[in-house]
Amino acid sequence: MFEYIENGTITNVQGIFAYGLHCGLKKRKKDLALIYSEYDCDAAATFTLNKVKAAPLILSQTTIKEYGKNVRAILVNSGNANACTGEKGYNDALKMQKICADELKLKSEQVLISSTGVIGQYLNMEKIESGVKKIVKHLTKDGGLLAAEAIMTTDKKLKSFALKIKLKNGIVNIGGICKGSGMIMPNMATMLGFIATDAKIEKQLLQNILSYCVSKTFNKISVDGETSTNDMVVVIANGASGVEISEDNIEELNLFKDALMDICKKMAISIVKDGEGATKLVTVNIYGAKSEDDINKVGKSIVNSLLVKTAFYGEDANWGRIVSAIGNSEADVIPENIVIKFNDHTVVDKNYTILLDEEKAKTILSQVEFEVNIYLNVGDKQGTWWTCDLSTEYVNINANYRT
């Protein structure tokens, strides 16, 4: 009941405008994005669990909690995280919010702000102010992809999606842009996701749906096991479609939930596929666990294992590293029950029965996308995580990140 829009972006949502430009925080690339709604929005969000939180994240977290029913804009800069910047950093975040609000003729609490980039450096507020004054004059329905470009840091690929849901009372649109490439781990990462919908949906219900979707998508990915300081996923709903999503209509509520889940999944996977230096997308399916918690313990242990990820890069069918990661996960498993498959090729069966065909496994691991299927055979729970390989390019990128 929903379909994706070709080359879709956040401005496919009714009442949403956007733009992205270069304001000078980076040497050349776009570094300032603005998303704007013609109408007041209910807002929901999830934030990093890192105890070191950037000033703009703290401010937006407070804004959503206290004023999240009349949000109108999201201002994002890249190139500077405004993290670990103390009182000055927080005052700069407040100033950034107010500058944008004034230019849009809004109240400060109607603007969410976000930053991404290098930690421990103060924002150049003159460049921010100049950039904001320019960007508000260029807001357009054609600006979604420019905004998606402006939030990128080490990303190689622009990440933008949109879909429409056909409901009995009309059509609802959902659009989103995101960034993320390195410092990616469950519980948010150096990742930003901004989603808009023209559905009419109450704030707490929207929050409940978003939290569930994030738990199954953004919190099931890992590039390098690092959780950053600035990360957030925000959804704003402006009601411009006139279609209400509520618990009074479970069928339409479930359709909306499924669509939001799917777009979150596409956004999350796009981040893993664009992992710094990544050459492979690896889907890790876990079957037969005793509990959801055990699924997450096993999944997290595998996708964060440097030895497993480097084996994927080398196209080495080293299933022993996977078994070791499972054993280190603290999940309730019986080692002799574990079965591991690469796609549909069983490499090790129960009781450590080795069925590995090196040539067949090499062919699978050389693909740009493949599955690792883990059968724990101790329960009936199942789940999925996503990761990528860890390459020499990852080391080169992060050894020279600030330069």
Protein backbone atom coordinates (compact mmCIF):
# COMPACT_ATOMS: atom_id res chain seq x y z
CA MET A 1 0.00 0.00 0.00
CA PHE A 2 2.98 2.32 -0.30
CA GLU A 3 5.37 3.01 -3.15
CA TYR A 4 8.66 4.84 -3.43
CA ILE A 5 9.01 8.02 -5.47
CA GLU A 6 11.84 7.99 -7.99
CA ASN A 7 14.58 10.43 -6.92
CA GLY A 8 12.38 11.24 -3.96
CA THR A 9 13.39 13.47 -1.10
CA ILE A 10 12.03 15.25 1.94
CA THR A 11 10.37 17.99 -0.14
CA ASN A 12 8.04 15.46 -1.74
CA VAL A 13 6.08 15.96 1.48
CA GLN A 14 3.36 18.60 1.19
CA GLY A 15 4.28 21.91 2.81
CA ILE A 16 8.00 21.08 3.12
CA PHE A 17 10.70 23.24 1.55
CA ALA A 18 14.48 22.91 1.80
CA TYR A 19 17.85 24.09 0.55
CA GLY A 20 21.54 23.49 1.04
CA LEU A 21 24.54 25.74 0.38
CA HIS A 22 28.18 26.45 1.21
CA CYS A 23 28.59 28.98 4.03
CA GLY A 24 32.32 28.53 4.64
CA LEU A 25 32.62 26.00 7.47
CA LYS A 26 34.11 23.63 4.90
CA LYS A 27 36.63 24.66 2.26
CA ARG A 28 34.41 24.02 -0.73
CA LYS A 29 31.53 21.61 -0.19
CA LYS A 30 28.02 22.51 0.95
CA ASP A 31 27.82 22.75 4.73
CA LEU A 32 24.48 24.31 5.69
CA ALA A 33 21.00 22.82 5.22
CA LEU A 34 17.56 24.09 6.11
CA ILE A 35 14.29 22.15 6.15
CA TYR A 36 11.15 24.28 6.55
CA SER A 37 7.45 23.53 6.97
CA GLU A 38 4.66 25.92 6.04
CA TYR A 39 2.65 24.51 8.92
CA ASP A 40 3.28 23.71 12.57
CA CYS A 41 4.61 20.20 13.10
CA ASP A 42 4.43 17.61 15.82
CA ALA A 43 8.00 16.42 16.31
CA ALA A 44 9.54 13.21 17.61
CA ALA A 45 13.17 12.15 17.85
CA THR A 46 15.72 9.68 19.13
CA PHE A 47 19.18 10.78 20.24
CA THR A 48 22.62 9.33 20.86
CA LEU A 49 23.21 7.46 24.11
CA ASN A 50 26.77 8.76 24.29
CA LYS A 51 27.15 10.58 27.62
CA VAL A 52 29.17 13.25 25.80
CA LYS A 53 26.44 15.11 23.92
CA ALA A 54 26.97 18.03 21.58
CA ALA A 55 25.41 21.41 22.39
CA PRO A 56 22.95 21.44 19.44
CA LEU A 57 21.73 17.96 20.34
CA ILE A 58 21.06 18.98 23.95
CA LEU A 59 19.21 22.06 22.76
CA SER A 60 17.07 20.19 20.22
CA GLN A 61 16.34 17.45 22.74
CA THR A 62 15.00 20.07 25.16
CA THR A 63 13.10 21.89 22.41
CA ILE A 64 11.26 18.76 21.31
CA LYS A 65 10.45 17.75 24.86
CA GLU A 66 9.05 21.13 25.86
CA TYR A 67 7.75 22.61 22.59
CA GLY A 68 7.48 19.70 20.16
CA LYS A 69 4.00 20.52 18.84
CA ASN A 70 4.80 23.62 16.80
CA VAL A 71 8.15 22.92 15.17
CA ARG A 72 8.62 24.62 11.80
CA ALA A 73 12.27 24.27 10.81
CA ILE A 74 15.43 22.17 11.13
CA LEU A 75 18.78 23.91 10.59
CA VAL A 76 21.82 21.68 10.13
CA ASN A 77 25.50 22.46 9.65
CA SER A 78 28.23 20.03 8.69
CA GLY A 79 31.99 20.44 9.07
CA ASN A 80 31.81 21.25 12.78
CA ALA A 81 30.11 19.18 15.49
CA ASN A 82 29.97 21.94 18.14
CA ALA A 83 30.69 19.17 20.64
CA CYS A 84 32.90 19.40 23.75
CA THR A 85 32.70 23.19 23.46
CA GLY A 86 31.29 23.97 26.91
CA GLU A 87 29.22 27.04 27.75
CA LYS A 88 30.34 28.92 24.65
CA GLY A 89 29.26 26.03 22.45
CA TYR A 90 25.82 25.94 24.03
CA ASN A 91 25.43 29.71 23.69
CA ASP A 92 26.45 29.41 20.04
CA ALA A 93 23.78 26.74 19.58
CA LEU A 94 21.19 29.08 21.11
CA LYS A 95 22.38 31.87 18.84
CA MET A 96 22.22 29.61 15.79
CA GLN A 97 18.63 28.70 16.69
CA LYS A 98 17.62 32.34 17.23
CA ILE A 99 19.26 33.60 14.03
CA CYS A 100 17.29 31.07 12.01
CA ALA A 101 14.06 31.78 13.88
CA ASP A 102 14.40 35.52 13.35
CA GLU A 103 15.05 35.14 9.63
CA LEU A 104 12.01 32.88 9.28
CA LYS A 105 9.91 35.10 11.57
CA LEU A 106 9.42 32.26 14.03
CA LYS A 107 9.98 31.73 17.73
CA SER A 108 13.27 30.11 18.70
CA GLU A 109 11.50 27.04 20.04
CA GLN A 110 10.07 26.39 16.58
CA VAL A 111 13.55 25.66 15.21
CA LEU A 112 15.55 22.48 15.77
CA ILE A 113 19.28 22.59 15.14
CA SER A 114 21.84 19.93 14.45
CA SER A 115 25.57 19.81 13.74
CA THR A 116 28.04 17.22 12.49
CA GLY A 117 31.76 17.24 11.88
CA VAL A 118 34.93 17.70 13.88
CA ILE A 119 34.65 17.59 17.69
CA GLY A 120 36.17 20.23 19.96
CA GLN A 121 36.11 23.28 17.71
CA TYR A 122 33.99 26.40 18.08
CA LEU A 123 31.53 27.33 15.36
CA ASN A 124 32.31 30.33 13.20
CA MET A 125 29.12 32.20 14.02
CA GLU A 126 29.72 34.94 11.45
CA LYS A 127 29.66 32.33 8.70
CA ILE A 128 26.63 30.63 10.23
CA GLU A 129 24.72 33.91 10.41
CA SER A 130 25.65 34.88 6.86
CA GLY A 131 24.70 31.42 5.61
CA VAL A 132 21.32 31.44 7.36
CA LYS A 133 20.41 34.81 5.88
CA LYS A 134 21.16 33.42 2.42
CA ILE A 135 19.54 30.05 2.80
CA VAL A 136 16.11 31.28 3.93
CA LYS A 137 15.85 33.22 0.66
CA HIS A 138 16.43 30.08 -1.40
CA LEU A 139 13.99 27.65 0.23
CA THR A 140 12.28 25.70 -2.53
CA LYS A 141 10.39 22.50 -3.28
CA ASP A 142 13.39 21.55 -5.43
CA GLY A 143 15.89 21.91 -2.60
CA GLY A 144 15.64 18.53 -0.89
CA LEU A 145 18.63 16.96 -2.63
CA LEU A 146 20.73 20.08 -1.99
CA ALA A 147 19.90 19.80 1.71
CA ALA A 148 20.86 16.11 1.64
CA GLU A 149 24.19 17.04 0.10
CA ALA A 150 24.87 19.78 2.65
CA ILE A 151 24.64 17.46 5.68
CA MET A 152 27.26 15.03 4.33
CA THR A 153 30.71 14.69 5.94
CA THR A 154 32.79 11.70 4.79
CA ASP A 155 29.77 10.31 2.95
CA LYS A 156 30.42 9.41 -0.66
CA LYS A 157 26.78 9.02 -1.58
CA LEU A 158 23.81 11.32 -1.12
CA LYS A 159 21.07 9.64 0.91
CA SER A 160 17.51 10.70 0.12
CA PHE A 161 14.19 8.83 -0.05
CA ALA A 162 10.45 9.43 -0.33
CA LEU A 163 7.32 7.32 -0.54
CA LYS A 164 3.57 7.77 -0.68
CA ILE A 165 0.96 5.74 1.16
CA LYS A 166 -2.47 5.27 -0.36
CA LEU A 167 -5.05 5.33 2.42
CA LYS A 168 -8.84 5.39 2.35
CA ASN A 169 -8.98 9.08 3.23
CA GLY A 170 -6.19 10.21 0.93
CA ILE A 171 -2.49 10.02 0.22
CA VAL A 172 0.18 10.51 2.87
CA ASN A 173 3.80 11.23 1.95
CA ILE A 174 6.95 10.46 3.92
CA GLY A 175 10.34 11.80 2.87
CA GLY A 176 13.74 11.66 4.48
CA ILE A 177 17.40 12.56 4.13
CA CYS A 178 20.26 11.22 6.20
CA LYS A 179 24.02 11.17 6.53
CA GLY A 180 26.45 8.74 8.02
CA SER A 181 29.51 6.82 6.96
CA GLY A 182 31.90 6.31 9.87
CA MET A 183 31.43 6.28 13.67
CA ILE A 184 28.38 4.12 13.15
CA MET A 185 27.07 1.82 15.87
CA PRO A 186 23.71 0.92 17.46
CA ASN A 187 22.12 3.46 19.85
CA MET A 188 22.73 6.17 17.28
CA ALA A 189 26.03 6.95 15.67
CA THR A 190 27.66 9.79 13.73
CA MET A 191 24.50 9.78 11.80
CA LEU A 192 21.76 12.30 11.22
CA GLY A 193 18.32 11.44 9.90
CA PHE A 194 15.59 13.95 9.13
CA ILE A 195 12.16 12.69 8.12
CA ALA A 196 8.98 14.61 7.32
CA THR A 197 5.43 13.50 6.73
CA ASP A 198 2.26 15.35 5.80
CA ALA A 199 0.17 13.00 7.94
CA LYS A 200 -1.68 14.45 10.90
CA ILE A 201 -0.45 12.49 13.89
CA GLU A 202 -0.22 13.30 17.58
CA LYS A 203 3.24 13.83 19.03
CA GLN A 204 3.31 10.94 21.53
CA LEU A 205 1.98 8.44 19.02
CA LEU A 206 4.57 9.63 16.51
CA GLN A 207 7.27 9.22 19.15
CA ASN A 208 6.14 5.70 19.96
CA ILE A 209 6.20 4.67 16.30
CA LEU A 210 9.57 6.31 15.64
CA SER A 211 11.20 4.73 18.68
CA TYR A 212 10.02 1.30 17.55
CA CYS A 213 11.21 1.84 13.97
CA VAL A 214 14.62 3.09 15.10
CA SER A 215 15.04 0.06 17.38
CA LYS A 216 14.62 -2.22 14.35
CA THR A 217 16.65 -0.21 11.82
CA PHE A 218 19.08 2.54 12.82
CA ASN A 219 19.91 0.67 16.01
CA LYS A 220 20.71 -2.51 14.10
CA ILE A 221 23.61 -1.18 12.02
CA SER A 222 27.32 -0.89 12.64
CA VAL A 223 30.26 0.28 10.57
CA ASP A 224 32.97 0.55 13.21
CA GLY A 225 31.41 0.18 16.66
CA GLU A 226 31.64 3.87 17.52
CA THR A 227 28.76 5.87 19.00
CA SER A 228 29.13 9.60 18.41
CA THR A 229 28.14 12.82 20.18
CA ASN A 230 25.71 14.48 17.77
CA ASP A 231 23.45 11.79 16.44
CA MET A 232 19.72 12.04 16.05
CA VAL A 233 16.77 10.90 13.99
CA VAL A 234 13.96 13.45 13.83
CA VAL A 235 10.46 13.13 12.38
CA ILE A 236 8.19 16.10 11.85
CA ALA A 237 4.51 15.76 10.91
CA ASN A 238 2.70 18.84 9.58
CA GLY A 239 -0.74 17.40 8.76
CA ALA A 240 -0.80 19.07 5.33
CA SER A 241 -2.41 16.02 3.70
CA GLY A 242 -5.42 16.32 5.97
CA VAL A 243 -5.19 12.58 6.65
CA GLU A 244 -5.20 11.71 10.34
CA ILE A 245 -3.28 8.74 11.68
CA SER A 246 -4.60 7.62 15.06
CA GLU A 247 -5.21 4.56 17.19
CA ASP A 248 -8.89 4.79 16.27
CA ASN A 249 -8.06 3.33 12.85
CA ILE A 250 -5.66 0.45 13.45
CA GLU A 251 -5.48 -0.57 9.78
CA GLU A 252 -4.25 2.84 8.60
CA LEU A 253 -2.04 3.22 11.67
CA ASN A 254 -0.32 -0.07 10.81
CA LEU A 255 0.12 0.97 7.18
CA PHE A 256 1.76 4.21 8.28
CA LYS A 257 3.95 2.35 10.76
CA ASP A 258 5.03 -0.14 8.08
CA ALA A 259 5.89 2.66 5.67
CA LEU A 260 7.90 4.60 8.26
CA MET A 261 9.69 1.37 9.22
CA ASP A 262 10.57 0.70 5.58
CA ILE A 263 11.95 4.17 4.89
CA CYS A 264 13.97 4.02 8.13
CA LYS A 265 15.34 0.66 7.01
CA LYS A 266 16.34 2.03 3.61
CA MET A 267 18.02 5.02 5.24
CA ALA A 268 19.87 2.84 7.74
CA ILE A 269 21.10 0.39 5.11
CA SER A 270 22.21 3.28 2.88
CA ILE A 271 24.48 4.42 5.72
CA VAL A 272 26.07 0.97 6.09
CA LYS A 273 26.55 0.63 2.32
CA ASP A 274 28.38 3.96 2.38
CA GLY A 275 30.56 2.98 5.35
CA GLU A 276 33.97 4.62 5.14
CA GLY A 277 35.98 2.46 2.75
CA ALA A 278 33.27 -0.19 2.66
CA THR A 279 33.15 -2.58 -0.30
CA LYS A 280 30.44 -4.95 0.92
CA LEU A 281 27.03 -4.79 2.59
CA VAL A 282 26.56 -7.74 4.94
CA THR A 283 23.14 -8.73 6.27
CA VAL A 284 23.37 -10.84 9.44
CA ASN A 285 20.23 -12.88 10.06
CA ILE A 286 19.93 -14.60 13.43
CA TYR A 287 17.44 -17.44 13.90
CA GLY A 288 16.47 -19.66 16.79
CA ALA A 289 17.46 -17.41 19.71
CA LYS A 290 15.89 -17.68 23.15
CA SER A 291 15.10 -13.96 23.38
CA GLU A 292 15.22 -10.61 21.59
CA ASP A 293 18.02 -9.64 23.95
CA ASP A 294 20.08 -12.63 22.81
CA ILE A 295 19.50 -11.71 19.17
CA ASN A 296 20.90 -8.27 19.87
CA LYS A 297 23.86 -9.61 21.85
CA VAL A 298 24.83 -11.98 19.05
CA GLY A 299 24.17 -9.47 16.27
CA LYS A 300 26.10 -6.69 17.96
CA SER A 301 29.05 -8.98 18.71
CA ILE A 302 29.32 -10.12 15.09
CA VAL A 303 28.87 -6.77 13.37
CA ASN A 304 31.35 -5.06 15.71
CA SER A 305 34.05 -7.71 15.43
CA LEU A 306 37.10 -6.28 13.66
CA LEU A 307 38.30 -9.79 12.90
CA VAL A 308 35.00 -10.75 11.30
CA LYS A 309 34.80 -7.52 9.31
CA THR A 310 38.36 -7.73 8.02
CA ALA A 311 37.71 -11.34 6.98
CA PHE A 312 34.75 -10.09 4.95
CA TYR A 313 37.03 -7.54 3.29
CA GLY A 314 39.55 -10.25 2.46
CA GLU A 315 36.78 -12.56 1.24
CA ASP A 316 38.05 -15.14 3.71
CA ALA A 317 35.44 -17.71 4.82
CA ASN A 318 36.79 -17.71 8.36
CA TRP A 319 33.67 -18.99 10.11
CA GLY A 320 35.69 -19.56 13.29
CA ARG A 321 35.79 -15.80 13.86
CA ILE A 322 31.99 -15.69 13.68
CA VAL A 323 31.61 -18.57 16.14
CA SER A 324 34.06 -16.84 18.46
CA ALA A 325 32.06 -13.59 18.27
CA ILE A 326 28.89 -15.50 19.13
CA GLY A 327 30.63 -17.09 22.10
CA ASN A 328 31.84 -13.69 23.31
CA SER A 329 28.36 -12.16 23.07
CA GLU A 330 27.13 -13.39 26.49
CA ALA A 331 23.97 -14.68 24.80
CA ASP A 332 22.44 -17.93 25.99
CA VAL A 333 23.73 -20.33 23.31
CA ILE A 334 24.78 -23.96 23.00
CA PRO A 335 27.94 -23.88 20.83
CA GLU A 336 27.35 -27.36 19.37
CA ASN A 337 23.92 -26.26 18.11
CA ILE A 338 25.24 -23.37 15.98
CA VAL A 339 24.84 -23.51 12.21
CA ILE A 340 26.37 -20.87 9.93
CA LYS A 341 25.53 -20.25 6.29
CA PHE A 342 26.85 -17.73 3.75
CA ASN A 343 23.69 -17.09 1.75
CA ASP A 344 22.36 -20.67 1.34
CA HIS A 345 25.75 -22.38 1.58
CA THR A 346 26.21 -24.16 4.92
CA VAL A 347 29.81 -23.72 6.08
CA VAL A 348 29.46 -25.34 9.49
CA ASP A 349 26.62 -27.52 10.76
CA LYS A 350 25.69 -28.76 14.23
CA ASN A 351 28.41 -30.39 16.31
CA TYR A 352 31.03 -28.41 14.38
CA THR A 353 30.45 -30.44 11.22
CA ILE A 354 32.48 -28.55 8.61
CA LEU A 355 30.78 -28.38 5.21
CA LEU A 356 32.72 -25.43 3.88
CA ASP A 357 33.32 -25.34 0.14
CA GLU A 358 36.10 -22.75 -0.16
CA GLU A 359 35.42 -21.95 -3.81
CA LYS A 360 31.68 -21.57 -3.30
CA ALA A 361 32.19 -19.44 -0.17
CA LYS A 362 34.74 -17.23 -1.96
CA THR A 363 32.24 -16.60 -4.75
CA ILE A 364 29.62 -15.50 -2.21
CA LEU A 365 31.99 -13.31 -0.18
CA SER A 366 33.24 -11.57 -3.31
CA GLN A 367 29.78 -10.15 -3.96
CA VAL A 368 29.01 -6.56 -2.96
CA GLU A 369 26.02 -7.80 -0.93
CA PHE A 370 25.57 -11.13 0.83
CA GLU A 371 23.97 -12.68 3.91
CA VAL A 372 25.42 -14.43 6.92
CA ASN A 373 22.71 -16.68 8.37
CA ILE A 374 23.18 -17.79 11.97
CA TYR A 375 21.02 -20.60 13.40
CA LEU A 376 21.37 -20.82 17.18
CA ASN A 377 18.78 -23.60 17.51
CA VAL A 378 17.88 -22.87 21.13
CA GLY A 379 14.63 -20.89 20.73
CA ASP A 380 12.18 -19.33 18.27
CA LYS A 381 13.24 -15.66 18.13
CA GLN A 382 14.83 -14.12 15.05
CA GLY A 383 16.19 -10.77 13.95
CA THR A 384 18.47 -8.94 11.52
CA TRP A 385 21.51 -6.68 11.77
CA TRP A 386 23.49 -4.96 9.03
CA THR A 387 27.19 -4.18 8.72
CA CYS A 388 29.97 -3.75 6.18
CA ASP A 389 33.53 -4.91 5.76
CA LEU A 390 36.47 -3.02 7.24
CA SER A 391 39.02 -2.00 4.63
CA THR A 392 42.41 -0.32 4.42
CA GLU A 393 40.61 2.78 3.10
CA TYR A 394 38.77 3.08 6.42
CA VAL A 395 42.13 3.42 8.17
CA ASN A 396 43.34 5.98 5.64
CA ILE A 397 40.18 8.10 5.93
CA ASN A 398 40.19 8.19 9.71
CA ALA A 399 43.94 8.63 10.07
CA ASN A 400 43.55 11.93 8.20
CA TYR A 401 40.03 13.01 9.20
CA ARG A 402 40.94 16.47 10.55
CA THR A 403 43.32 17.23 7.70
